[in-house]
Amino acid sequence: MELQVKRNMQITEVNLFVMDLRAVHNDLREVIEDAQCRYQKSADKKWTPAPRIEVGDHVFLLAKFIKST
């Protein structure tokens, strides 16, 4: 009987530990999401749309991005 009580206590402790881990995980998830939103807002402030380029327009290219044989 004492073994059964001890086992039930261990199971209860494990369940509490798992619940604590889930709470920590959820808190961390929220913190990460908040940080991502802040970074996104900061990046969006500096963002500008790409210029509109049409066939026949003259453009400058950097040779380091052009691979040839």
Protein backbone atom coordinates (compact mmCIF):
# COMPACT_ATOMS: atom_id res chain seq x y z
CA MET A 1 0.00 0.00 0.00
CA GLU A 2 2.80 2.41 0.85
CA LEU A 3 4.37 1.75 -2.55
CA GLN A 4 1.09 2.71 -4.26
CA VAL A 5 0.89 5.98 -2.30
CA LYS A 6 4.52 6.78 -3.15
CA ARG A 7 3.87 6.03 -6.83
CA ASN A 8 0.78 8.26 -6.87
CA MET A 9 2.79 11.08 -5.29
CA GLN A 10 5.50 10.70 -7.95
CA ILE A 11 2.92 10.76 -10.73
CA THR A 12 1.37 13.88 -9.22
CA GLU A 13 4.79 15.55 -9.00
CA VAL A 14 5.53 14.65 -12.61
CA ASN A 15 2.20 16.05 -13.73
CA LEU A 16 2.86 19.30 -11.87
CA PHE A 17 6.32 19.51 -13.43
CA VAL A 18 4.87 19.01 -16.91
CA MET A 19 2.27 21.70 -16.27
CA ASP A 20 5.02 24.08 -15.13
CA LEU A 21 7.03 23.32 -18.27
CA ARG A 22 3.99 24.03 -20.43
CA ALA A 23 3.45 27.35 -18.65
CA VAL A 24 7.10 28.32 -19.17
CA HIS A 25 6.90 27.25 -22.81
CA ASN A 26 3.79 29.36 -23.39
CA ASP A 27 5.36 32.37 -21.66
CA LEU A 28 8.49 32.06 -23.79
CA ARG A 29 6.43 31.70 -26.94
CA GLU A 30 4.63 34.97 -26.13
CA VAL A 31 7.91 36.76 -25.41
CA ILE A 32 9.38 35.56 -28.72
CA GLU A 33 6.28 36.64 -30.63
CA ASP A 34 6.45 40.09 -29.03
CA ALA A 35 10.12 40.42 -29.95
CA GLN A 36 9.41 39.36 -33.53
CA CYS A 37 6.68 42.01 -33.79
CA ARG A 38 9.05 44.69 -32.52
CA TYR A 39 11.77 43.64 -34.98
CA GLN A 40 9.23 43.55 -37.81
CA LYS A 41 8.01 47.08 -37.02
CA SER A 42 11.59 48.34 -36.97
CA ALA A 43 12.40 46.64 -40.26
CA ASP A 44 9.19 47.89 -41.89
CA LYS A 45 10.11 51.50 -41.10
CA LYS A 46 13.29 51.15 -43.19
CA TRP A 47 11.65 49.21 -46.02
CA THR A 48 11.15 50.85 -49.38
CA PRO A 49 9.56 49.22 -52.40
CA ALA A 50 11.81 48.08 -55.24
CA PRO A 51 11.98 50.47 -58.17
CA ARG A 52 9.80 49.60 -61.12
CA ILE A 53 11.99 48.27 -63.93
CA GLU A 54 10.60 47.69 -67.38
CA VAL A 55 12.00 46.17 -70.55
CA GLY A 56 14.31 48.67 -72.21
CA ASP A 57 15.33 50.45 -68.98
CA HIS A 58 19.03 50.87 -68.35
CA VAL A 59 20.26 49.50 -65.02
CA PHE A 60 23.61 49.07 -63.27
CA LEU A 61 24.66 45.60 -62.15
CA LEU A 62 27.40 44.51 -59.77
CA ALA A 63 29.60 41.99 -61.53
CA LYS A 64 30.18 40.01 -58.32
CA PHE A 65 26.56 38.77 -58.53
CA ILE A 66 26.87 37.55 -62.13
CA LYS A 67 28.26 34.03 -62.56
CA SER A 68 29.63 32.96 -65.86
CA THR A 69 32.01 30.36 -67.21
